[in-house]
Amino acid sequence: MQRILRIDEADNLIVALKDLKKGETFNIDGKEITLFTDVQAKHKFTIEACNIGDIVTLYGTAVGKATQPIAKGECVTVDNIHHYAAPVSLDYTDSYEWKKPDVSMYQHLTFAGYKREDGRVGTANYWLVFPLVFCENRNVMKLTNTLNEVLGYSKNTLKDFALNLTENSTSPATSVNNPFPHIEGVRYITVTSGCGGAASDSLTMCDVLAAYADHPNVIGITVFSLGCEKAQRKYFKEALQKRNPNFNKPALYFRQQEWDSEEAMMQTALKETFECMKSVKPTKRENVPLSYLKMGVKCGGSDGFSGISANPAMGLVSDWIVSLGGASALSEFPELCGAEGDIVQRCVGSENKERFLSLMKNYEKVANFFDTTIADNPSPGNISNGLITDAIKSTGAARKGGRAPITAVCDYGEPMPDQGLSLVCTPGNDVESVTGLVAAGCNVVVFSTGLGTPTGNPIVPVIKIATNSKIATRLKDLIDYDCGPVIDGVPLQEISKGLFERIIETASGKYKVKADRLEQFDFILWKRSIDL
């Protein structure tokens, strides 16, 4: 069984696939390397001695600089290297060349989606309830939870468990005859902004909520506001009009300060939402080409195997979808820090190159204002599992986007094109990033994790894939697919094919992701300014 991995022939760092002991010897490029220290699985060791200031490389890219002498065969740690990214230039003379993968075996495949009047395709069918300000979160949750319980969408196993503990469960729960089988549930969003902060954040929130309202997975909306907030109803409607001038879904609005009684408002909201759901024309899933897939790729709770197993598997699938005429979106700009050179080279046209670097520079400028840097991205969990610099983390994270050319660069909340690979500017924060991918228009999200994460989304399925089989087994209630066999030698192509099949099953409604089963419906807006 393979115990070490050299990812690129130019690398002077080697990845330990298993725990290695000091004194073990390996033959690399015909040279004998004896380990100077123990090296835990997922961590890296050098194959040459390094002096202070020397560069260490992984994935064929500079990922760190020595801060003290490092012996040949020594494990690299936060104590002997720090983040380093090679300077980036726009002066590339050679155009990026990409050989599309052979996708002939997938040309005939389809997924069962919901075709909308405007030609877009949804992977789900939800009524969405949300507020324009945090003051209304309680009403949003109250309305949604009531509808889901009465209509039989909610399966509160924790409530059943509590009833058993208190011995109040005197009879089995009765099944509910759902009058709306064509609707898959009522979902809600809660927010932490809309007032008490910069007007720009409130307007951004309106843009993102408009994107969710317009998403093909949403069939109608109920919107609550207070009345005095910065995110006024008119700003939301303007954002919705800008997003889709032909928006024609049922939309209900309730402004609490116009009502004498909260109970009366809630009863009216419940009645009118129920009536609108009743009036929605029943739709059925129908087979559509895979070109209608718009996949978002994300990683979180990453480890030293992320860039070797799950992320490359996602990257292959991303390339397949793009080659089939669909779309993919790569987010998390702090996790492109150190991979900028490759990203810039792959951007089609000077405008995309310049916009990517401009967004990165602006992001870093804001981070510097708060006395930090976007390179301060790896978490303690990342570091203890082998991702000890942001460049090491980023070069592995960037592999989620495959090798397709980058045809669009989108800011947070902007819509992505229907075809090709896009960059979507988001933080690395799990929920803020997924929130941004869905706002961009993704109808399925694939999320790799080496340590585990409960992140989901209210309206789009989030498929959680494991980088190692240990975490897939231990957290089986969170993980939808295991990419860990790659570490044990199973071909990446084989694992990627299985992942592709899981994505198609999910988009077709044949597989329910674990995040949805656990009702992990997360939404957090990326606020770029301050609270006031």
Protein backbone atom coordinates (compact mmCIF):
# COMPACT_ATOMS: atom_id res chain seq x y z
CA MET A 1 0.00 0.00 0.00
CA GLN A 2 1.31 3.42 -0.98
CA ARG A 3 2.55 5.34 2.08
CA ILE A 4 3.79 8.59 0.52
CA LEU A 5 2.78 10.75 -2.45
CA ARG A 6 4.65 13.22 -4.60
CA ILE A 7 1.89 15.24 -6.21
CA ASP A 8 4.02 17.02 -8.84
CA GLU A 9 7.47 16.05 -10.07
CA ALA A 10 8.67 19.59 -9.28
CA ASP A 11 7.63 19.36 -5.60
CA ASN A 12 10.20 19.29 -2.83
CA LEU A 13 7.47 18.42 -0.30
CA ILE A 14 6.14 14.87 -0.02
CA VAL A 15 2.74 13.99 1.49
CA ALA A 16 2.55 11.26 4.13
CA LEU A 17 -0.45 9.04 3.41
CA LYS A 18 0.15 7.05 6.60
CA ASP A 19 1.85 7.84 9.90
CA LEU A 20 5.62 7.65 9.29
CA LYS A 21 8.42 7.15 11.82
CA LYS A 22 11.79 8.85 12.13
CA GLY A 23 14.47 6.75 10.45
CA GLU A 24 12.19 5.25 7.78
CA THR A 25 13.75 5.34 4.33
CA PHE A 26 12.15 6.07 0.95
CA ASN A 27 13.52 6.10 -2.56
CA ILE A 28 12.43 9.24 -4.41
CA ASP A 29 13.80 9.99 -7.89
CA GLY A 30 16.51 7.42 -7.31
CA LYS A 31 17.66 9.15 -4.14
CA GLU A 32 17.39 7.68 -0.68
CA ILE A 33 15.51 9.91 1.79
CA THR A 34 15.67 9.04 5.48
CA LEU A 35 13.09 10.70 7.70
CA PHE A 36 14.68 13.14 10.13
CA THR A 37 11.45 13.34 12.19
CA ASP A 38 8.17 11.51 12.62
CA VAL A 39 5.58 12.61 10.05
CA GLN A 40 1.87 12.18 10.75
CA ALA A 41 -0.50 11.20 7.97
CA LYS A 42 -1.67 14.23 5.94
CA HIS A 43 1.50 16.21 6.78
CA LYS A 44 4.51 16.85 4.54
CA PHE A 45 8.29 16.41 4.69
CA THR A 46 11.13 17.84 2.64
CA ILE A 47 13.28 15.88 0.22
CA GLU A 48 16.08 18.44 0.39
CA ALA A 49 17.67 20.58 3.07
CA CYS A 50 16.33 24.15 3.21
CA ASN A 51 18.00 27.30 4.45
CA ILE A 52 16.14 30.27 5.90
CA GLY A 53 14.28 31.96 3.05
CA ASP A 54 14.19 28.90 0.77
CA ILE A 55 10.91 28.09 -0.97
CA VAL A 56 8.98 24.84 -0.47
CA THR A 57 6.65 23.62 -3.21
CA LEU A 58 3.54 21.45 -3.48
CA TYR A 59 1.23 20.87 -6.47
CA GLY A 60 4.09 22.35 -8.53
CA THR A 61 3.53 25.71 -6.77
CA ALA A 62 5.38 27.70 -4.12
CA VAL A 63 3.46 27.21 -0.87
CA GLY A 64 5.82 28.38 1.87
CA LYS A 65 9.13 29.91 2.87
CA ALA A 66 11.52 28.46 5.42
CA THR A 67 11.78 30.50 8.63
CA GLN A 68 14.61 28.35 9.99
CA PRO A 69 16.90 25.63 8.62
CA ILE A 70 15.02 22.45 7.69
CA ALA A 71 16.82 19.12 7.37
CA LYS A 72 16.24 16.73 4.49
CA GLY A 73 13.45 14.38 5.55
CA GLU A 74 12.10 16.76 8.21
CA CYS A 75 8.39 17.43 8.70
CA VAL A 76 7.34 21.00 7.83
CA THR A 77 5.32 22.77 10.52
CA VAL A 78 4.15 26.25 11.48
CA ASP A 79 7.45 26.50 13.37
CA ASN A 80 9.72 26.17 10.34
CA ILE A 81 7.75 27.60 7.37
CA HIS A 82 5.22 30.36 6.82
CA HIS A 83 2.83 31.27 4.00
CA TYR A 84 4.38 32.39 0.74
CA ALA A 85 2.74 33.02 -2.62
CA ALA A 86 4.70 33.73 -5.78
CA PRO A 87 4.16 37.19 -7.35
CA VAL A 88 1.40 37.27 -9.97
CA SER A 89 1.66 38.98 -13.33
CA LEU A 90 -0.92 39.76 -15.99
CA ASP A 91 1.77 39.53 -18.64
CA TYR A 92 1.10 35.98 -19.75
CA THR A 93 2.04 35.64 -23.41
CA ASP A 94 0.69 32.14 -23.95
CA SER A 95 -3.06 31.57 -24.05
CA TYR A 96 -4.38 28.86 -21.79
CA GLU A 97 -4.98 25.59 -23.59
CA TRP A 98 -7.37 23.01 -22.20
CA LYS A 99 -8.08 19.63 -23.69
CA LYS A 100 -11.69 18.81 -22.92
CA PRO A 101 -12.20 15.40 -21.34
CA ASP A 102 -13.99 12.72 -23.32
CA VAL A 103 -17.59 12.88 -22.08
CA SER A 104 -19.15 10.78 -24.83
CA MET A 105 -20.22 8.17 -22.26
CA TYR A 106 -22.30 10.85 -20.47
CA GLN A 107 -23.88 12.55 -23.50
CA HIS A 108 -27.05 10.46 -23.27
CA LEU A 109 -27.55 10.98 -19.54
CA THR A 110 -30.28 13.22 -18.12
CA PHE A 111 -31.57 14.26 -14.73
CA ALA A 112 -35.17 14.72 -13.64
CA GLY A 113 -35.67 18.41 -12.93
CA TYR A 114 -38.44 21.01 -12.81
CA LYS A 115 -38.60 22.96 -16.06
CA ARG A 116 -39.65 26.57 -15.52
CA GLU A 117 -41.42 28.91 -17.93
CA ASP A 118 -38.24 30.88 -18.57
CA GLY A 119 -36.29 27.77 -19.59
CA ARG A 120 -34.35 27.32 -16.35
CA VAL A 121 -34.42 24.04 -14.45
CA GLY A 122 -34.86 23.51 -10.73
CA THR A 123 -33.66 20.56 -8.70
CA ALA A 124 -36.31 21.12 -5.99
CA ASN A 125 -39.73 22.74 -5.46
CA TYR A 126 -39.95 24.93 -2.33
CA TRP A 127 -42.06 27.76 -1.00
CA LEU A 128 -39.66 30.23 0.66
CA VAL A 129 -40.29 32.47 3.69
CA PHE A 130 -37.78 35.17 4.71
CA PRO A 131 -37.46 38.56 6.46
CA LEU A 132 -35.95 41.84 5.34
CA VAL A 133 -34.60 42.46 8.83
CA PHE A 134 -33.52 40.33 11.79
CA CYS A 135 -36.45 41.66 13.88
CA GLU A 136 -38.77 39.39 11.89
CA ASN A 137 -36.80 36.14 12.23
CA ARG A 138 -39.17 34.81 14.88
CA ASN A 139 -42.25 35.33 12.69
CA VAL A 140 -40.53 33.73 9.72
CA MET A 141 -39.69 30.61 11.74
CA LYS A 142 -43.12 30.46 13.37
CA LEU A 143 -44.95 30.54 10.04
CA THR A 144 -42.63 28.04 8.37
CA ASN A 145 -42.59 25.55 11.23
CA THR A 146 -46.38 25.67 11.52
CA LEU A 147 -46.91 25.02 7.82
CA ASN A 148 -44.35 22.23 7.71
CA GLU A 149 -45.85 20.48 10.72
CA VAL A 150 -49.46 20.83 9.57
CA LEU A 151 -48.65 19.79 5.98
CA GLY A 152 -46.45 16.88 7.06
CA TYR A 153 -43.13 18.11 5.64
CA SER A 154 -41.36 18.21 9.00
CA LYS A 155 -40.10 15.06 10.69
CA ASN A 156 -39.15 16.19 14.19
CA THR A 157 -37.53 13.06 15.62
CA LEU A 158 -36.04 15.07 18.49
CA LYS A 159 -39.55 16.11 19.56
CA ASP A 160 -40.66 12.48 19.51
CA PHE A 161 -37.62 11.57 21.61
CA ALA A 162 -38.48 14.32 24.13
CA LEU A 163 -42.07 13.12 24.37
CA ASN A 164 -40.85 9.62 25.15
CA LEU A 165 -38.58 10.99 27.87
CA THR A 166 -41.48 12.80 29.52
CA GLU A 167 -43.83 9.86 28.94
CA ASN A 168 -46.25 12.20 27.15
CA SER A 169 -46.35 10.11 24.00
CA THR A 170 -49.59 8.24 24.58
CA SER A 171 -50.31 7.36 20.97
CA PRO A 172 -48.34 6.98 17.75
CA ALA A 173 -48.03 10.06 15.57
CA THR A 174 -50.76 10.26 12.96
CA SER A 175 -49.72 10.61 9.33
CA VAL A 176 -50.68 13.82 7.54
CA ASN A 177 -52.40 13.79 4.17
CA ASN A 178 -50.39 16.48 2.39
CA PRO A 179 -52.66 18.45 0.02
CA PHE A 180 -49.63 19.71 -1.94
CA PRO A 181 -47.61 16.65 -3.01
CA HIS A 182 -46.12 18.68 -5.87
CA ILE A 183 -44.46 21.04 -3.34
CA GLU A 184 -41.48 19.54 -1.51
CA GLY A 185 -41.63 21.75 1.55
CA VAL A 186 -41.67 25.23 3.05
CA ARG A 187 -38.18 26.59 3.74
CA TYR A 188 -37.14 29.69 5.59
CA ILE A 189 -34.20 32.07 5.79
CA THR A 190 -33.21 34.08 8.85
CA VAL A 191 -30.85 37.05 8.71
CA THR A 192 -28.54 39.00 11.01
CA SER A 193 -28.71 42.28 9.11
CA GLY A 194 -31.18 44.57 7.35
CA CYS A 195 -30.68 47.41 9.84
CA GLY A 196 -28.24 48.63 12.48
CA GLY A 197 -25.35 48.43 10.02
CA ALA A 198 -24.02 49.95 6.82
CA ALA A 199 -26.61 50.65 4.13
CA SER A 200 -24.39 48.77 1.68
CA ASP A 201 -24.82 45.54 3.65
CA SER A 202 -28.60 45.97 3.66
CA LEU A 203 -28.62 46.47 -0.11
CA THR A 204 -26.37 43.45 -0.59
CA MET A 205 -28.81 41.44 1.53
CA CYS A 206 -31.67 42.58 -0.73
CA ASP A 207 -29.67 41.45 -3.78
CA VAL A 208 -28.98 38.02 -2.28
CA LEU A 209 -32.57 37.52 -1.09
CA ALA A 210 -33.79 38.55 -4.54
CA ALA A 211 -31.49 35.89 -6.02
CA TYR A 212 -33.01 33.28 -3.71
CA ALA A 213 -36.56 34.40 -4.52
CA ASP A 214 -35.81 34.16 -8.24
CA HIS A 215 -33.99 30.81 -7.96
CA PRO A 216 -35.61 28.04 -10.05
CA ASN A 217 -35.89 25.87 -6.92
CA VAL A 218 -38.35 28.40 -5.41
CA ILE A 219 -42.00 28.53 -6.52
CA GLY A 220 -43.27 31.38 -4.33
CA ILE A 221 -42.30 33.68 -1.45
CA THR A 222 -43.67 35.13 1.77
CA VAL A 223 -41.71 38.18 2.96
CA PHE A 224 -41.82 39.82 6.39
CA SER A 225 -40.55 43.30 7.24
CA LEU A 226 -40.87 45.53 10.28
CA GLY A 227 -41.24 48.87 8.54
CA CYS A 228 -38.39 51.07 9.77
CA GLU A 229 -35.43 48.94 8.65
CA LYS A 230 -32.74 49.96 6.16
CA ALA A 231 -33.60 47.04 3.88
CA GLN A 232 -36.89 48.59 2.82
CA ARG A 233 -39.38 46.59 0.80
CA LYS A 234 -38.89 48.90 -2.17
CA TYR A 235 -35.16 48.11 -2.24
CA PHE A 236 -35.87 44.40 -2.25
CA LYS A 237 -38.39 44.80 -5.07
CA GLU A 238 -35.89 46.87 -7.04
CA ALA A 239 -33.28 44.15 -6.56
CA LEU A 240 -35.80 41.53 -7.68
CA GLN A 241 -36.71 43.57 -10.76
CA LYS A 242 -33.03 43.94 -11.60
CA ARG A 243 -32.43 40.24 -11.12
CA ASN A 244 -35.40 39.20 -13.24
CA PRO A 245 -37.60 41.84 -14.92
CA ASN A 246 -40.09 39.06 -15.73
CA PHE A 247 -40.42 37.70 -12.19
CA ASN A 248 -43.98 36.35 -11.87
CA LYS A 249 -43.99 33.97 -8.92
CA PRO A 250 -46.58 34.42 -6.13
CA ALA A 251 -45.16 36.94 -3.65
CA LEU A 252 -46.76 37.93 -0.32
CA TYR A 253 -45.54 40.85 1.81
CA PHE A 254 -46.30 41.61 5.47
CA ARG A 255 -45.04 44.76 7.23
CA GLN A 256 -45.59 44.35 10.98
CA GLN A 257 -45.83 48.05 11.85
CA GLU A 258 -48.95 48.25 9.67
CA TRP A 259 -50.76 45.75 11.92
CA ASP A 260 -52.42 46.30 15.29
CA SER A 261 -51.93 42.64 16.23
CA GLU A 262 -49.05 40.28 15.54
CA GLU A 263 -51.40 37.33 15.92
CA ALA A 264 -53.76 38.78 13.30
CA MET A 265 -50.85 39.36 10.92
CA MET A 266 -49.59 35.81 11.42
CA GLN A 267 -53.01 34.28 10.87
CA THR A 268 -53.42 36.29 7.66
CA ALA A 269 -49.93 35.35 6.49
CA LEU A 270 -50.67 31.69 7.18
CA LYS A 271 -54.01 31.78 5.37
CA GLU A 272 -52.72 33.66 2.33
CA THR A 273 -49.58 31.52 2.04
CA PHE A 274 -51.72 28.40 2.24
CA GLU A 275 -54.06 29.74 -0.46
CA CYS A 276 -51.14 30.66 -2.73
CA MET A 277 -49.59 27.22 -2.29
CA LYS A 278 -52.97 25.76 -3.22
CA SER A 279 -53.07 27.85 -6.40
CA VAL A 280 -49.58 26.90 -7.59
CA LYS A 281 -49.88 24.81 -10.72
CA PRO A 282 -48.70 21.25 -10.02
CA THR A 283 -45.46 20.46 -11.80
CA LYS A 284 -43.70 17.16 -12.27
CA ARG A 285 -40.05 16.37 -12.76
CA GLU A 286 -39.05 15.65 -16.33
CA ASN A 287 -35.83 14.46 -17.88
CA VAL A 288 -33.52 17.22 -19.09
CA PRO A 289 -29.92 17.21 -20.40
CA LEU A 290 -27.04 17.48 -17.94
CA SER A 291 -26.27 20.87 -19.51
CA TYR A 292 -28.89 22.28 -17.12
CA LEU A 293 -26.75 21.42 -14.10
CA LYS A 294 -25.16 24.40 -12.36
CA MET A 295 -22.83 23.02 -9.72
CA GLY A 296 -21.15 24.94 -6.92
CA VAL A 297 -17.97 23.46 -5.42
CA LYS A 298 -16.96 24.08 -1.81
CA CYS A 299 -14.69 22.64 0.88
CA GLY A 300 -14.77 23.08 4.65
CA GLY A 301 -13.31 21.33 7.65
CA SER A 302 -10.51 20.48 5.23
CA ASP A 303 -7.54 18.23 5.89
CA GLY A 304 -4.29 17.26 4.23
CA PHE A 305 -6.11 14.75 2.00
CA SER A 306 -8.64 17.28 0.62
CA GLY A 307 -6.42 18.29 -2.29
CA ILE A 308 -5.60 14.66 -3.10
CA SER A 309 -8.96 12.87 -3.03
CA ALA A 310 -12.26 14.76 -2.75
CA ASN A 311 -11.24 18.09 -4.33
CA PRO A 312 -9.71 16.51 -7.46
CA ALA A 313 -12.78 14.26 -7.75
CA MET A 314 -14.97 17.36 -7.69
CA GLY A 315 -12.63 18.97 -10.22
CA LEU A 316 -13.04 16.09 -12.66
CA VAL A 317 -16.83 16.24 -12.32
CA SER A 318 -16.72 20.01 -12.77
CA ASP A 319 -14.81 19.56 -16.02
CA TRP A 320 -17.30 16.94 -17.21
CA ILE A 321 -20.27 19.20 -16.50
CA VAL A 322 -18.63 22.14 -18.28
CA SER A 323 -17.77 19.90 -21.25
CA LEU A 324 -21.42 18.81 -21.41
CA GLY A 325 -22.56 22.43 -21.69
CA GLY A 326 -23.38 22.98 -18.03
CA ALA A 327 -21.90 25.36 -15.47
CA SER A 328 -19.70 25.15 -12.40
CA ALA A 329 -18.71 27.77 -9.83
CA LEU A 330 -15.53 27.93 -7.73
CA SER A 331 -15.76 30.20 -4.68
CA GLU A 332 -13.74 30.97 -1.51
CA PHE A 333 -11.29 33.69 -2.57
CA PRO A 334 -9.13 33.42 0.60
CA GLU A 335 -8.57 29.82 -0.45
CA LEU A 336 -7.22 30.95 -3.81
CA CYS A 337 -4.48 32.90 -2.02
CA GLY A 338 -1.32 31.23 -3.26
CA ALA A 339 -2.99 29.79 -6.35
CA GLU A 340 -3.48 33.18 -8.08
CA GLY A 341 -0.92 32.51 -10.79
CA ASP A 342 -2.71 29.43 -12.06
CA ILE A 343 -6.13 31.09 -11.73
CA VAL A 344 -5.06 34.19 -13.68
CA GLN A 345 -3.57 32.06 -16.44
CA ARG A 346 -6.86 30.17 -16.81
CA CYS A 347 -9.03 33.32 -16.94
CA VAL A 348 -10.35 33.97 -20.45
CA GLY A 349 -9.71 37.58 -21.45
CA SER A 350 -7.94 40.45 -19.73
CA GLU A 351 -11.19 41.70 -18.14
CA ASN A 352 -11.64 38.49 -16.13
CA LYS A 353 -7.96 38.44 -15.13
CA GLU A 354 -8.09 42.04 -13.94
CA ARG A 355 -11.37 41.62 -12.12
CA PHE A 356 -10.17 38.54 -10.26
CA LEU A 357 -7.02 40.29 -9.05
CA SER A 358 -8.99 43.45 -8.21
CA LEU A 359 -11.44 41.48 -6.04
CA MET A 360 -8.54 39.70 -4.33
CA LYS A 361 -6.74 43.00 -3.66
CA ASN A 362 -9.88 44.66 -2.30
CA TYR A 363 -10.50 41.67 -0.07
CA GLU A 364 -6.94 41.87 1.26
CA LYS A 365 -7.27 45.63 1.77
CA VAL A 366 -10.31 45.19 4.00
CA ALA A 367 -8.58 42.36 5.88
CA ASN A 368 -5.53 44.60 6.44
CA PHE A 369 -7.80 47.34 7.83
CA PHE A 370 -8.83 44.89 10.55
CA ASP A 371 -5.16 44.05 11.21
CA THR A 372 -5.25 40.65 9.51
CA THR A 373 -4.75 39.13 6.07
CA ILE A 374 -6.69 36.69 3.89
CA ALA A 375 -3.69 34.38 4.29
CA ASP A 376 -4.78 33.98 7.93
CA ASN A 377 -7.29 31.42 6.70
CA PRO A 378 -6.24 27.98 7.98
CA SER A 379 -8.09 27.04 11.18
CA PRO A 380 -6.51 25.09 14.05
CA GLY A 381 -8.22 22.00 12.67
CA ASN A 382 -6.73 22.61 9.23
CA ILE A 383 -3.24 23.10 10.66
CA SER A 384 -3.30 20.01 12.87
CA ASN A 385 -4.38 18.00 9.82
CA GLY A 386 -1.61 19.08 7.48
CA LEU A 387 -2.75 22.42 6.01
CA ILE A 388 -0.19 24.60 7.75
CA THR A 389 -0.08 27.57 5.34
CA ASP A 390 -2.82 29.24 3.34
CA ALA A 391 -0.95 28.46 0.11
CA ILE A 392 -0.88 24.73 0.96
CA LYS A 393 -4.60 24.91 1.69
CA SER A 394 -5.34 27.03 -1.40
CA THR A 395 -3.44 24.98 -3.96
CA GLY A 396 -5.40 21.93 -2.83
CA ALA A 397 -8.68 23.83 -2.58
CA ALA A 398 -8.35 25.24 -6.10
CA ARG A 399 -8.43 21.69 -7.49
CA LYS A 400 -12.21 21.70 -6.87
CA GLY A 401 -12.51 23.81 -10.02
CA GLY A 402 -10.87 21.25 -12.30
CA ARG A 403 -8.85 22.57 -15.24
CA ALA A 404 -11.50 24.22 -17.42
CA PRO A 405 -10.92 27.81 -18.54
CA ILE A 406 -12.51 30.47 -16.31
CA THR A 407 -15.07 32.30 -18.43
CA ALA A 408 -16.59 34.64 -15.81
CA VAL A 409 -15.65 36.32 -12.53
CA CYS A 410 -18.63 37.23 -10.33
CA ASP A 411 -18.83 39.29 -7.15
CA TYR A 412 -20.91 38.14 -4.19
CA GLY A 413 -24.60 37.95 -5.15
CA GLU A 414 -24.04 38.35 -8.90
CA PRO A 415 -25.52 35.74 -11.26
CA MET A 416 -23.18 33.25 -12.91
CA PRO A 417 -23.50 32.33 -16.61
CA ASP A 418 -25.43 29.22 -17.62
CA GLN A 419 -22.32 27.63 -19.10
CA GLY A 420 -18.64 27.33 -18.29
CA LEU A 421 -16.55 27.67 -15.13
CA SER A 422 -17.06 30.82 -13.06
CA LEU A 423 -15.27 32.30 -10.07
CA VAL A 424 -17.65 33.56 -7.38
CA CYS A 425 -16.17 35.90 -4.80
CA THR A 426 -17.06 34.61 -1.34
CA PRO A 427 -15.27 34.14 1.98
CA GLY A 428 -14.00 30.73 3.01
CA ASN A 429 -16.63 30.68 5.78
CA ASP A 430 -18.71 27.58 5.05
CA VAL A 431 -22.22 29.01 5.26
CA GLU A 432 -21.41 32.44 3.79
CA SER A 433 -19.76 30.72 0.83
CA VAL A 434 -22.60 28.27 0.15
CA THR A 435 -25.07 31.15 0.53
CA GLY A 436 -23.15 33.00 -2.19
CA LEU A 437 -22.96 30.00 -4.52
CA VAL A 438 -26.72 29.53 -4.38
CA ALA A 439 -27.25 33.27 -4.95
CA ALA A 440 -25.07 32.92 -8.05
CA GLY A 441 -27.55 30.36 -9.38
CA CYS A 442 -26.14 26.93 -8.51
CA ASN A 443 -28.85 24.26 -8.38
CA VAL A 444 -26.62 21.71 -6.63
CA VAL A 445 -23.61 22.19 -4.33
CA VAL A 446 -20.86 19.64 -3.69
CA PHE A 447 -18.97 20.16 -0.43
CA SER A 448 -15.82 18.26 0.55
CA THR A 449 -14.74 17.82 4.16
CA GLY A 450 -11.96 15.96 5.92
CA LEU A 451 -13.05 16.75 9.48
CA GLY A 452 -16.85 16.98 9.13
CA THR A 453 -19.31 19.85 8.84
CA PRO A 454 -23.11 20.12 9.20
CA THR A 455 -23.52 22.87 6.58
CA GLY A 456 -26.58 22.78 4.32
CA ASN A 457 -28.80 25.29 2.49
CA PRO A 458 -32.52 26.14 2.57
CA ILE A 459 -33.26 25.70 -1.14
CA VAL A 460 -30.40 23.80 -2.82
CA PRO A 461 -29.14 20.31 -1.93
CA VAL A 462 -25.60 20.28 -0.49
CA ILE A 463 -23.84 16.97 -1.12
CA LYS A 464 -21.20 16.33 1.55
CA ILE A 465 -18.25 14.24 0.39
CA ALA A 466 -15.48 12.90 2.64
CA THR A 467 -11.77 13.16 1.88
CA ASN A 468 -11.02 10.05 3.94
CA SER A 469 -12.96 6.90 4.74
CA LYS A 470 -12.45 7.24 8.49
CA ILE A 471 -14.53 10.41 8.68
CA ALA A 472 -17.08 8.98 6.21
CA THR A 473 -17.66 6.05 8.55
CA ARG A 474 -17.63 7.96 11.83
CA LEU A 475 -19.88 10.79 10.58
CA LYS A 476 -22.10 8.76 8.31
CA ASP A 477 -25.14 10.85 9.28
CA LEU A 478 -23.43 13.88 7.64
CA ILE A 479 -21.55 12.36 4.71
CA ASP A 480 -23.21 11.55 1.37
CA TYR A 481 -20.24 10.11 -0.52
CA ASP A 482 -16.79 8.78 0.37
CA CYS A 483 -13.77 9.80 -1.72
CA GLY A 484 -11.38 8.23 0.78
CA PRO A 485 -10.64 5.13 -1.34
CA VAL A 486 -8.49 7.37 -3.54
CA ILE A 487 -5.96 7.51 -0.68
CA ASP A 488 -5.83 3.70 -0.70
CA GLY A 489 -5.16 3.54 -4.43
CA VAL A 490 -8.60 3.38 -6.07
CA PRO A 491 -8.36 5.37 -9.35
CA LEU A 492 -9.60 8.95 -9.12
CA GLN A 493 -11.62 8.46 -12.32
CA GLU A 494 -13.59 5.64 -10.72
CA ILE A 495 -14.38 7.64 -7.56
CA SER A 496 -15.32 10.69 -9.66
CA LYS A 497 -17.73 8.62 -11.72
CA GLY A 498 -19.49 7.47 -8.56
CA LEU A 499 -19.66 11.08 -7.35
CA PHE A 500 -21.15 12.17 -10.67
CA GLU A 501 -23.84 9.52 -10.34
CA ARG A 502 -24.64 10.73 -6.80
CA ILE A 503 -24.99 14.30 -8.11
CA ILE A 504 -27.41 13.18 -10.82
CA GLU A 505 -29.45 11.16 -8.29
CA THR A 506 -29.62 14.20 -6.03
CA ALA A 507 -30.57 16.64 -8.79
CA SER A 508 -33.31 14.20 -9.82
CA GLY A 509 -34.79 14.01 -6.33
CA LYS A 510 -33.97 10.29 -6.08
CA TYR A 511 -31.41 10.83 -3.33
CA LYS A 512 -32.05 13.10 -0.34
CA VAL A 513 -28.85 14.62 0.99
CA LYS A 514 -27.99 14.15 4.66
CA ALA A 515 -28.08 17.91 5.30
CA ASP A 516 -31.75 17.98 4.24
CA ARG A 517 -32.58 14.89 6.29
CA LEU A 518 -31.16 16.68 9.34
CA GLU A 519 -32.87 19.96 8.36
CA GLN A 520 -29.54 21.80 8.17
CA PHE A 521 -30.93 24.79 6.29
CA ASP A 522 -28.18 27.37 6.77
CA PHE A 523 -28.00 30.93 5.47
CA ILE A 524 -25.50 33.62 6.48
CA LEU A 525 -24.95 36.79 4.49
CA TRP A 526 -21.38 37.97 3.95
CA LYS A 527 -21.28 41.42 5.57
CA ARG A 528 -18.33 43.41 4.26
CA SER A 529 -18.58 46.37 6.62
CA ILE A 530 -19.52 46.94 10.28
CA ASP A 531 -22.42 46.99 12.70
CA LEU A 532 -23.54 50.41 13.86
